[in-house]
Full PDB file with SEQRES, HELIX, SHEET, SSBOND, CRYST1, ORIGX, SCALE, CONECT and MASTER records, all heavy atoms in Angstrom:
SEQRES   1 A   37  SER GLY SER ILE PHE SER MET ASN ALA MET GLY TRP TYR          
SEQRES   2 A   37  ARG GLN ALA PRO GLY ASN GLN ARG GLU LEU VAL ALA ALA          
SEQRES   3 A   37  ILE THR ARG ASP GLY SER VAL ASN TYR ALA ASP                  
SHEET    1 AA1 3 ALA A   9  ARG A  14  0                                        
SHEET    2 AA1 3 GLU A  22  THR A  28 -1                                        
SHEET    3 AA1 3 VAL A  33  TYR A  35 -1                                        
CRYST1    1.000    1.000    1.000  90.00  90.00  90.00 P 1           1          
ORIGX1      1.000000  0.000000  0.000000        0.00000                         
ORIGX2      0.000000  1.000000  0.000000        0.00000                         
ORIGX3      0.000000  0.000000  1.000000        0.00000                         
SCALE1      1.000000  0.000000  0.000000        0.00000                         
SCALE2      0.000000  1.000000  0.000000        0.00000                         
SCALE3      0.000000  0.000000  1.000000        0.00000                         
ATOM      1  N   SER A   1      20.637 -15.739   3.140  1.00  0.00           N  
ATOM      2  CA  SER A   1      21.695 -16.410   2.442  1.00  0.00           C  
ATOM      3  C   SER A   1      23.031 -16.046   3.020  1.00  0.00           C  
ATOM      4  O   SER A   1      23.185 -15.045   3.700  1.00  0.00           O  
ATOM      5  CB  SER A   1      21.655 -16.067   0.935  1.00  0.00           C  
ATOM      6  OG  SER A   1      21.896 -14.674   0.732  1.00  0.00           O  
ATOM      7  N   GLY A   2      24.022 -16.868   2.723  1.00  0.00           N  
ATOM      8  CA  GLY A   2      25.344 -16.657   3.277  1.00  0.00           C  
ATOM      9  C   GLY A   2      25.589 -17.550   4.481  1.00  0.00           C  
ATOM     10  O   GLY A   2      24.683 -18.247   4.956  1.00  0.00           O  
ATOM     11  N   SER A   3      26.777 -17.485   4.970  1.00  0.00           N  
ATOM     12  CA  SER A   3      27.189 -18.336   6.072  1.00  0.00           C  
ATOM     13  C   SER A   3      26.856 -17.684   7.393  1.00  0.00           C  
ATOM     14  O   SER A   3      27.391 -16.592   7.707  1.00  0.00           O  
ATOM     15  CB  SER A   3      28.691 -18.622   5.989  1.00  0.00           C  
ATOM     16  OG  SER A   3      29.098 -19.462   7.046  1.00  0.00           O  
ATOM     17  N   ILE A   4      25.989 -18.295   8.139  1.00  0.00           N  
ATOM     18  CA  ILE A   4      25.617 -17.826   9.478  1.00  0.00           C  
ATOM     19  C   ILE A   4      26.130 -18.842  10.482  1.00  0.00           C  
ATOM     20  O   ILE A   4      25.628 -19.974  10.563  1.00  0.00           O  
ATOM     21  CB  ILE A   4      24.104 -17.660   9.628  1.00  0.00           C  
ATOM     22  CG1 ILE A   4      23.546 -16.701   8.579  1.00  0.00           C  
ATOM     23  CG2 ILE A   4      23.753 -17.199  11.024  1.00  0.00           C  
ATOM     24  CD1 ILE A   4      24.051 -15.291   8.736  1.00  0.00           C  
ATOM     25  N   PHE A   5      27.122 -18.454  11.235  1.00  0.00           N  
ATOM     26  CA  PHE A   5      27.679 -19.350  12.231  1.00  0.00           C  
ATOM     27  C   PHE A   5      26.811 -19.427  13.450  1.00  0.00           C  
ATOM     28  O   PHE A   5      26.674 -20.505  14.074  1.00  0.00           O  
ATOM     29  CB  PHE A   5      29.093 -18.921  12.596  1.00  0.00           C  
ATOM     30  CG  PHE A   5      30.092 -19.018  11.499  1.00  0.00           C  
ATOM     31  CD1 PHE A   5      31.297 -18.319  11.561  1.00  0.00           C  
ATOM     32  CD2 PHE A   5      29.852 -19.841  10.403  1.00  0.00           C  
ATOM     33  CE1 PHE A   5      32.220 -18.414  10.549  1.00  0.00           C  
ATOM     34  CE2 PHE A   5      30.790 -19.946   9.371  1.00  0.00           C  
ATOM     35  CZ  PHE A   5      31.989 -19.235   9.457  1.00  0.00           C  
ATOM     36  N   SER A   6      26.213 -18.326  13.843  1.00  0.00           N  
ATOM     37  CA  SER A   6      25.359 -18.313  15.004  1.00  0.00           C  
ATOM     38  C   SER A   6      24.343 -17.169  14.879  1.00  0.00           C  
ATOM     39  O   SER A   6      24.710 -15.999  15.009  1.00  0.00           O  
ATOM     40  CB  SER A   6      26.172 -18.118  16.288  1.00  0.00           C  
ATOM     41  OG  SER A   6      25.368 -18.118  17.445  1.00  0.00           O  
ATOM     42  N   MET A   7      23.089 -17.540  14.617  1.00  0.00           N  
ATOM     43  CA  MET A   7      22.035 -16.542  14.533  1.00  0.00           C  
ATOM     44  C   MET A   7      21.506 -16.289  15.933  1.00  0.00           C  
ATOM     45  O   MET A   7      21.068 -17.208  16.624  1.00  0.00           O  
ATOM     46  CB  MET A   7      20.912 -17.043  13.631  1.00  0.00           C  
ATOM     47  CG  MET A   7      19.806 -16.034  13.405  1.00  0.00           C  
ATOM     48  SD  MET A   7      20.331 -14.637  12.386  1.00  0.00           S  
ATOM     49  CE  MET A   7      20.340 -15.419  10.764  1.00  0.00           C  
ATOM     50  N   ASN A   8      21.522 -15.028  16.335  1.00  0.00           N  
ATOM     51  CA  ASN A   8      21.047 -14.675  17.665  1.00  0.00           C  
ATOM     52  C   ASN A   8      19.570 -14.324  17.684  1.00  0.00           C  
ATOM     53  O   ASN A   8      18.870 -14.722  18.608  1.00  0.00           O  
ATOM     54  CB  ASN A   8      21.859 -13.492  18.207  1.00  0.00           C  
ATOM     55  CG  ASN A   8      23.293 -13.862  18.501  1.00  0.00           C  
ATOM     56  OD1 ASN A   8      23.604 -15.012  18.771  1.00  0.00           O  
ATOM     57  ND2 ASN A   8      24.144 -12.850  18.465  1.00  0.00           N  
ATOM     58  N   ALA A   9      19.132 -13.596  16.676  1.00  0.00           N  
ATOM     59  CA  ALA A   9      17.730 -13.183  16.640  1.00  0.00           C  
ATOM     60  C   ALA A   9      17.374 -12.686  15.257  1.00  0.00           C  
ATOM     61  O   ALA A   9      18.239 -12.197  14.532  1.00  0.00           O  
ATOM     62  CB  ALA A   9      17.442 -12.090  17.681  1.00  0.00           C  
ATOM     63  N   MET A  10      16.110 -12.827  14.937  1.00  0.00           N  
ATOM     64  CA  MET A  10      15.584 -12.243  13.720  1.00  0.00           C  
ATOM     65  C   MET A  10      14.285 -11.519  14.057  1.00  0.00           C  
ATOM     66  O   MET A  10      13.565 -11.929  14.984  1.00  0.00           O  
ATOM     67  CB  MET A  10      15.365 -13.257  12.616  1.00  0.00           C  
ATOM     68  CG  MET A  10      16.635 -13.912  12.156  1.00  0.00           C  
ATOM     69  SD  MET A  10      16.437 -14.832  10.606  1.00  0.00           S  
ATOM     70  CE  MET A  10      16.168 -13.474   9.453  1.00  0.00           C  
ATOM     71  N   GLY A  11      14.004 -10.480  13.322  1.00  0.00           N  
ATOM     72  CA  GLY A  11      12.810  -9.730  13.601  1.00  0.00           C  
ATOM     73  C   GLY A  11      12.289  -9.017  12.385  1.00  0.00           C  
ATOM     74  O   GLY A  11      12.949  -8.913  11.342  1.00  0.00           O  
ATOM     75  N   TRP A  12      11.062  -8.585  12.514  1.00  0.00           N  
ATOM     76  CA  TRP A  12      10.425  -7.759  11.510  1.00  0.00           C  
ATOM     77  C   TRP A  12      10.148  -6.385  12.102  1.00  0.00           C  
ATOM     78  O   TRP A  12       9.632  -6.276  13.224  1.00  0.00           O  
ATOM     79  CB  TRP A  12       9.107  -8.383  11.059  1.00  0.00           C  
ATOM     80  CG  TRP A  12       9.264  -9.582  10.189  1.00  0.00           C  
ATOM     81  CD1 TRP A  12       9.243 -10.864  10.591  1.00  0.00           C  
ATOM     82  CD2 TRP A  12       9.462  -9.590   8.764  1.00  0.00           C  
ATOM     83  NE1 TRP A  12       9.418 -11.708   9.506  1.00  0.00           N  
ATOM     84  CE2 TRP A  12       9.557 -10.944   8.390  1.00  0.00           C  
ATOM     85  CE3 TRP A  12       9.572  -8.593   7.804  1.00  0.00           C  
ATOM     86  CZ2 TRP A  12       9.748 -11.327   7.050  1.00  0.00           C  
ATOM     87  CZ3 TRP A  12       9.779  -8.964   6.499  1.00  0.00           C  
ATOM     88  CH2 TRP A  12       9.851 -10.308   6.104  1.00  0.00           C  
ATOM     89  N   TYR A  13      10.529  -5.383  11.366  1.00  0.00           N  
ATOM     90  CA  TYR A  13      10.288  -3.993  11.719  1.00  0.00           C  
ATOM     91  C   TYR A  13       9.446  -3.350  10.609  1.00  0.00           C  
ATOM     92  O   TYR A  13       9.396  -3.851   9.496  1.00  0.00           O  
ATOM     93  CB  TYR A  13      11.595  -3.227  11.869  1.00  0.00           C  
ATOM     94  CG  TYR A  13      12.444  -3.653  13.060  1.00  0.00           C  
ATOM     95  CD1 TYR A  13      13.083  -4.875  13.085  1.00  0.00           C  
ATOM     96  CD2 TYR A  13      12.617  -2.788  14.145  1.00  0.00           C  
ATOM     97  CE1 TYR A  13      13.855  -5.246  14.155  1.00  0.00           C  
ATOM     98  CE2 TYR A  13      13.387  -3.156  15.232  1.00  0.00           C  
ATOM     99  CZ  TYR A  13      14.013  -4.389  15.224  1.00  0.00           C  
ATOM    100  OH  TYR A  13      14.792  -4.767  16.310  1.00  0.00           O  
ATOM    101  N   ARG A  14       8.843  -2.233  10.935  1.00  0.00           N  
ATOM    102  CA  ARG A  14       8.097  -1.503   9.907  1.00  0.00           C  
ATOM    103  C   ARG A  14       8.297  -0.033  10.098  1.00  0.00           C  
ATOM    104  O   ARG A  14       8.548   0.469  11.200  1.00  0.00           O  
ATOM    105  CB  ARG A  14       6.619  -1.861   9.924  1.00  0.00           C  
ATOM    106  CG  ARG A  14       5.860  -1.425  11.152  1.00  0.00           C  
ATOM    107  CD  ARG A  14       4.436  -1.977  11.107  1.00  0.00           C  
ATOM    108  NE  ARG A  14       3.642  -1.539  12.270  1.00  0.00           N  
ATOM    109  CZ  ARG A  14       2.438  -1.991  12.535  1.00  0.00           C  
ATOM    110  NH1 ARG A  14       1.856  -2.896  11.741  1.00  0.00           N  
ATOM    111  NH2 ARG A  14       1.784  -1.535  13.604  1.00  0.00           N  
ATOM    112  N   GLN A  15       8.144   0.679   8.993  1.00  0.00           N  
ATOM    113  CA  GLN A  15       8.277   2.115   9.012  1.00  0.00           C  
ATOM    114  C   GLN A  15       7.250   2.737   8.099  1.00  0.00           C  
ATOM    115  O   GLN A  15       7.235   2.475   6.886  1.00  0.00           O  
ATOM    116  CB  GLN A  15       9.685   2.535   8.557  1.00  0.00           C  
ATOM    117  CG  GLN A  15       9.954   4.020   8.721  1.00  0.00           C  
ATOM    118  CD  GLN A  15      11.437   4.368   8.553  1.00  0.00           C  
ATOM    119  OE1 GLN A  15      12.204   3.570   7.999  1.00  0.00           O  
ATOM    120  NE2 GLN A  15      11.817   5.518   9.031  1.00  0.00           N  
ATOM    121  N   ALA A  16       6.357   3.501   8.674  1.00  0.00           N  
ATOM    122  CA  ALA A  16       5.359   4.234   7.938  1.00  0.00           C  
ATOM    123  C   ALA A  16       5.865   5.656   7.660  1.00  0.00           C  
ATOM    124  O   ALA A  16       6.740   6.156   8.378  1.00  0.00           O  
ATOM    125  CB  ALA A  16       4.034   4.272   8.689  1.00  0.00           C  
ATOM    126  N   PRO A  17       5.326   6.301   6.642  1.00  0.00           N  
ATOM    127  CA  PRO A  17       5.779   7.668   6.337  1.00  0.00           C  
ATOM    128  C   PRO A  17       5.664   8.574   7.537  1.00  0.00           C  
ATOM    129  O   PRO A  17       4.650   8.646   8.213  1.00  0.00           O  
ATOM    130  CB  PRO A  17       4.848   8.115   5.232  1.00  0.00           C  
ATOM    131  CG  PRO A  17       4.452   6.819   4.546  1.00  0.00           C  
ATOM    132  CD  PRO A  17       4.352   5.820   5.656  1.00  0.00           C  
ATOM    133  N   GLY A  18       6.752   9.297   7.830  1.00  0.00           N  
ATOM    134  CA  GLY A  18       6.781  10.205   8.951  1.00  0.00           C  
ATOM    135  C   GLY A  18       7.022   9.596  10.291  1.00  0.00           C  
ATOM    136  O   GLY A  18       7.101  10.303  11.305  1.00  0.00           O  
ATOM    137  N   ASN A  19       7.161   8.255  10.344  1.00  0.00           N  
ATOM    138  CA  ASN A  19       7.334   7.573  11.638  1.00  0.00           C  
ATOM    139  C   ASN A  19       8.725   6.955  11.730  1.00  0.00           C  
ATOM    140  O   ASN A  19       9.435   6.755  10.732  1.00  0.00           O  
ATOM    141  CB  ASN A  19       6.282   6.462  11.792  1.00  0.00           C  
ATOM    142  CG  ASN A  19       4.889   7.013  11.963  1.00  0.00           C  
ATOM    143  OD1 ASN A  19       4.709   8.173  12.324  1.00  0.00           O  
ATOM    144  ND2 ASN A  19       3.905   6.163  11.729  1.00  0.00           N  
ATOM    145  N   GLN A  20       9.118   6.642  12.932  1.00  0.00           N  
ATOM    146  CA  GLN A  20      10.321   5.890  13.196  1.00  0.00           C  
ATOM    147  C   GLN A  20      10.120   4.427  12.819  1.00  0.00           C  
ATOM    148  O   GLN A  20       8.974   3.930  12.825  1.00  0.00           O  
ATOM    149  CB  GLN A  20      10.715   5.995  14.656  1.00  0.00           C  
ATOM    150  CG  GLN A  20      11.044   7.409  15.136  1.00  0.00           C  
ATOM    151  CD  GLN A  20      12.439   7.803  14.785  1.00  0.00           C  
ATOM    152  OE1 GLN A  20      12.686   8.279  13.670  1.00  0.00           O  
ATOM    153  NE2 GLN A  20      13.365   7.604  15.700  1.00  0.00           N  
ATOM    154  N   ARG A  21      11.215   3.766  12.537  1.00  0.00           N  
ATOM    155  CA  ARG A  21      11.134   2.326  12.323  1.00  0.00           C  
ATOM    156  C   ARG A  21      10.888   1.639  13.684  1.00  0.00           C  
ATOM    157  O   ARG A  21      11.576   1.914  14.661  1.00  0.00           O  
ATOM    158  CB  ARG A  21      12.438   1.818  11.707  1.00  0.00           C  
ATOM    159  CG  ARG A  21      12.380   0.365  11.250  1.00  0.00           C  
ATOM    160  CD  ARG A  21      13.620  -0.008  10.464  1.00  0.00           C  
ATOM    161  NE  ARG A  21      13.730   0.783   9.251  1.00  0.00           N  
ATOM    162  CZ  ARG A  21      14.663   0.596   8.316  1.00  0.00           C  
ATOM    163  NH1 ARG A  21      15.574  -0.380   8.465  1.00  0.00           N  
ATOM    164  NH2 ARG A  21      14.713   1.363   7.242  1.00  0.00           N  
ATOM    165  N   GLU A  22       9.889   0.795  13.720  1.00  0.00           N  
ATOM    166  CA  GLU A  22       9.474   0.158  14.956  1.00  0.00           C  
ATOM    167  C   GLU A  22       9.494  -1.354  14.852  1.00  0.00           C  
ATOM    168  O   GLU A  22       9.249  -1.926  13.781  1.00  0.00           O  
ATOM    169  CB  GLU A  22       8.077   0.635  15.388  1.00  0.00           C  
ATOM    170  CG  GLU A  22       6.973   0.210  14.421  1.00  0.00           C  
ATOM    171  CD  GLU A  22       5.584   0.589  14.899  1.00  0.00           C  
ATOM    172  OE1 GLU A  22       5.436   1.004  16.072  1.00  0.00           O  
ATOM    173  OE2 GLU A  22       4.629   0.461  14.100  1.00  0.00           O  
ATOM    174  N   LEU A  23       9.770  -1.975  15.965  1.00  0.00           N  
ATOM    175  CA  LEU A  23       9.739  -3.446  16.030  1.00  0.00           C  
ATOM    176  C   LEU A  23       8.301  -3.948  15.927  1.00  0.00           C  
ATOM    177  O   LEU A  23       7.426  -3.456  16.654  1.00  0.00           O  
ATOM    178  CB  LEU A  23      10.375  -3.911  17.344  1.00  0.00           C  
ATOM    179  CG  LEU A  23      10.310  -5.433  17.590  1.00  0.00           C  
ATOM    180  CD1 LEU A  23      11.195  -6.176  16.617  1.00  0.00           C  
ATOM    181  CD2 LEU A  23      10.722  -5.757  19.024  1.00  0.00           C  
ATOM    182  N   VAL A  24       8.103  -4.917  15.072  1.00  0.00           N  
ATOM    183  CA  VAL A  24       6.816  -5.565  14.940  1.00  0.00           C  
ATOM    184  C   VAL A  24       6.797  -6.912  15.658  1.00  0.00           C  
ATOM    185  O   VAL A  24       5.912  -7.201  16.453  1.00  0.00           O  
ATOM    186  CB  VAL A  24       6.442  -5.783  13.464  1.00  0.00           C  
ATOM    187  CG1 VAL A  24       5.121  -6.531  13.315  1.00  0.00           C  
ATOM    188  CG2 VAL A  24       6.364  -4.422  12.743  1.00  0.00           C  
ATOM    189  N   ALA A  25       7.782  -7.730  15.378  1.00  0.00           N  
ATOM    190  CA  ALA A  25       7.893  -9.043  15.986  1.00  0.00           C  
ATOM    191  C   ALA A  25       9.339  -9.514  15.905  1.00  0.00           C  
ATOM    192  O   ALA A  25      10.044  -9.166  14.975  1.00  0.00           O  
ATOM    193  CB  ALA A  25       6.975 -10.058  15.274  1.00  0.00           C  
ATOM    194  N   ALA A  26       9.735 -10.322  16.858  1.00  0.00           N  
ATOM    195  CA  ALA A  26      11.088 -10.839  16.899  1.00  0.00           C  
ATOM    196  C   ALA A  26      11.077 -12.254  17.454  1.00  0.00           C  
ATOM    197  O   ALA A  26      10.247 -12.619  18.283  1.00  0.00           O  
ATOM    198  CB  ALA A  26      12.013  -9.944  17.729  1.00  0.00           C  
ATOM    199  N   ILE A  27      12.034 -13.026  17.014  1.00  0.00           N  
ATOM    200  CA  ILE A  27      12.237 -14.381  17.515  1.00  0.00           C  
ATOM    201  C   ILE A  27      13.707 -14.528  17.837  1.00  0.00           C  
ATOM    202  O   ILE A  27      14.600 -14.167  17.039  1.00  0.00           O  
ATOM    203  CB  ILE A  27      11.736 -15.452  16.523  1.00  0.00           C  
ATOM    204  CG1 ILE A  27      11.886 -16.844  17.121  1.00  0.00           C  
ATOM    205  CG2 ILE A  27      12.429 -15.334  15.176  1.00  0.00           C  
ATOM    206  CD1 ILE A  27      11.114 -17.909  16.340  1.00  0.00           C  
ATOM    207  N   THR A  28      14.000 -15.052  19.005  1.00  0.00           N  
ATOM    208  CA  THR A  28      15.383 -15.159  19.462  1.00  0.00           C  
ATOM    209  C   THR A  28      15.888 -16.586  19.302  1.00  0.00           C  
ATOM    210  O   THR A  28      15.143 -17.506  18.916  1.00  0.00           O  
ATOM    211  CB  THR A  28      15.500 -14.737  20.938  1.00  0.00           C  
ATOM    212  OG1 THR A  28      14.613 -15.540  21.746  1.00  0.00           O  
ATOM    213  CG2 THR A  28      15.125 -13.279  21.087  1.00  0.00           C  
ATOM    214  N   ARG A  29      17.172 -16.759  19.603  1.00  0.00           N  
ATOM    215  CA  ARG A  29      17.838 -18.020  19.384  1.00  0.00           C  
ATOM    216  C   ARG A  29      17.159 -19.179  20.075  1.00  0.00           C  
ATOM    217  O   ARG A  29      17.102 -20.301  19.541  1.00  0.00           O  
ATOM    218  CB  ARG A  29      19.291 -17.904  19.838  1.00  0.00           C  
ATOM    219  CG  ARG A  29      20.152 -19.114  19.579  1.00  0.00           C  
ATOM    220  CD  ARG A  29      21.567 -18.832  20.049  1.00  0.00           C  
ATOM    221  NE  ARG A  29      22.452 -19.935  19.795  1.00  0.00           N  
ATOM    222  CZ  ARG A  29      23.762 -19.937  20.037  1.00  0.00           C  
ATOM    223  NH1 ARG A  29      24.322 -18.838  20.551  1.00  0.00           N  
ATOM    224  NH2 ARG A  29      24.501 -21.002  19.763  1.00  0.00           N  
ATOM    225  N   ASP A  30      16.652 -18.942  21.268  1.00  0.00           N  
ATOM    226  CA  ASP A  30      16.008 -19.997  22.033  1.00  0.00           C  
ATOM    227  C   ASP A  30      14.542 -20.217  21.659  1.00  0.00           C  
ATOM    228  O   ASP A  30      13.860 -21.027  22.271  1.00  0.00           O  
ATOM    229  CB  ASP A  30      16.132 -19.736  23.523  1.00  0.00           C  
ATOM    230  CG  ASP A  30      15.396 -18.495  23.971  1.00  0.00           C  
ATOM    231  OD1 ASP A  30      14.817 -17.768  23.130  1.00  0.00           O  
ATOM    232  OD2 ASP A  30      15.412 -18.200  25.176  1.00  0.00           O  
ATOM    233  N   GLY A  31      14.080 -19.478  20.651  1.00  0.00           N  
ATOM    234  CA  GLY A  31      12.729 -19.650  20.185  1.00  0.00           C  
ATOM    235  C   GLY A  31      11.702 -18.750  20.813  1.00  0.00           C  
ATOM    236  O   GLY A  31      10.511 -18.825  20.454  1.00  0.00           O  
ATOM    237  N   SER A  32      12.106 -17.928  21.728  1.00  0.00           N  
ATOM    238  CA  SER A  32      11.137 -17.013  22.325  1.00  0.00           C  
ATOM    239  C   SER A  32      10.745 -15.926  21.332  1.00  0.00           C  
ATOM    240  O   SER A  32      11.537 -15.510  20.472  1.00  0.00           O  
ATOM    241  CB  SER A  32      11.713 -16.389  23.614  1.00  0.00           C  
ATOM    242  OG  SER A  32      12.856 -15.579  23.303  1.00  0.00           O  
ATOM    243  N   VAL A  33       9.534 -15.461  21.421  1.00  0.00           N  
ATOM    244  CA  VAL A  33       9.022 -14.462  20.502  1.00  0.00           C  
ATOM    245  C   VAL A  33       8.429 -13.307  21.289  1.00  0.00           C  
ATOM    246  O   VAL A  33       7.996 -13.468  22.436  1.00  0.00           O  
ATOM    247  CB  VAL A  33       7.963 -15.041  19.551  1.00  0.00           C  
ATOM    248  CG1 VAL A  33       8.554 -16.152  18.693  1.00  0.00           C  
ATOM    249  CG2 VAL A  33       6.769 -15.598  20.337  1.00  0.00           C  
ATOM    250  N   ASN A  34       8.423 -12.163  20.678  1.00  0.00           N  
ATOM    251  CA  ASN A  34       7.725 -11.040  21.244  1.00  0.00           C  
ATOM    252  C   ASN A  34       7.152 -10.189  20.120  1.00  0.00           C  
ATOM    253  O   ASN A  34       7.649 -10.188  19.008  1.00  0.00           O  
ATOM    254  CB  ASN A  34       8.635 -10.205  22.156  1.00  0.00           C  
ATOM    255  CG  ASN A  34       9.817  -9.601  21.462  1.00  0.00           C  
ATOM    256  OD1 ASN A  34       9.707  -8.524  20.884  1.00  0.00           O  
ATOM    257  ND2 ASN A  34      10.950 -10.284  21.528  1.00  0.00           N  
ATOM    258  N   TYR A  35       6.084  -9.467  20.452  1.00  0.00           N  
ATOM    259  CA  TYR A  35       5.330  -8.702  19.473  1.00  0.00           C  
ATOM    260  C   TYR A  35       5.039  -7.305  20.013  1.00  0.00           C  
ATOM    261  O   TYR A  35       4.914  -7.097  21.203  1.00  0.00           O  
ATOM    262  CB  TYR A  35       3.998  -9.362  19.153  1.00  0.00           C  
ATOM    263  CG  TYR A  35       4.113 -10.750  18.552  1.00  0.00           C  
ATOM    264  CD1 TYR A  35       4.073 -11.888  19.373  1.00  0.00           C  
ATOM    265  CD2 TYR A  35       4.251 -10.938  17.181  1.00  0.00           C  
ATOM    266  CE1 TYR A  35       4.192 -13.140  18.824  1.00  0.00           C  
ATOM    267  CE2 TYR A  35       4.342 -12.185  16.629  1.00  0.00           C  
ATOM    268  CZ  TYR A  35       4.322 -13.299  17.450  1.00  0.00           C  
ATOM    269  OH  TYR A  35       4.422 -14.543  16.897  1.00  0.00           O  
ATOM    270  N   ALA A  36       4.940  -6.387  19.081  1.00  0.00           N  
ATOM    271  CA  ALA A  36       4.420  -5.082  19.438  1.00  0.00           C  
ATOM    272  C   ALA A  36       2.969  -5.228  19.883  1.00  0.00           C  
ATOM    273  O   ALA A  36       2.235  -6.069  19.370  1.00  0.00           O  
ATOM    274  CB  ALA A  36       4.510  -4.128  18.260  1.00  0.00           C  
ATOM    275  N   ASP A  37       2.567  -4.417  20.837  1.00  0.00           N  
ATOM    276  CA  ASP A  37       1.200  -4.491  21.343  1.00  0.00           C  
ATOM    277  C   ASP A  37       0.173  -4.318  20.226  1.00  0.00           C  
ATOM    278  O   ASP A  37      -0.887  -4.934  20.241  1.00  0.00           O  
ATOM    279  CB  ASP A  37       0.964  -3.453  22.406  1.00  0.00           C  
ATOM    280  CG  ASP A  37       1.679  -3.768  23.717  1.00  0.00           C  
ATOM    281  OD1 ASP A  37       2.040  -4.929  23.925  1.00  0.00           O  
ATOM    282  OD2 ASP A  37       1.849  -2.849  24.530  1.00  0.00           O  
TER     283      ASP A  37                                                      
MASTER        0    0    0    0    3    0    0    6  282    1    0    3          
END                                                                             
């Protein structure tokens, strides 16, 4: 929500107890996606 003039990327991260927050999946402005192995 709110005014987004230009979205560059969105992603999902996760954090399990005792772990660092890690990238799970992301999608960029041009539609490209990447995933954690």
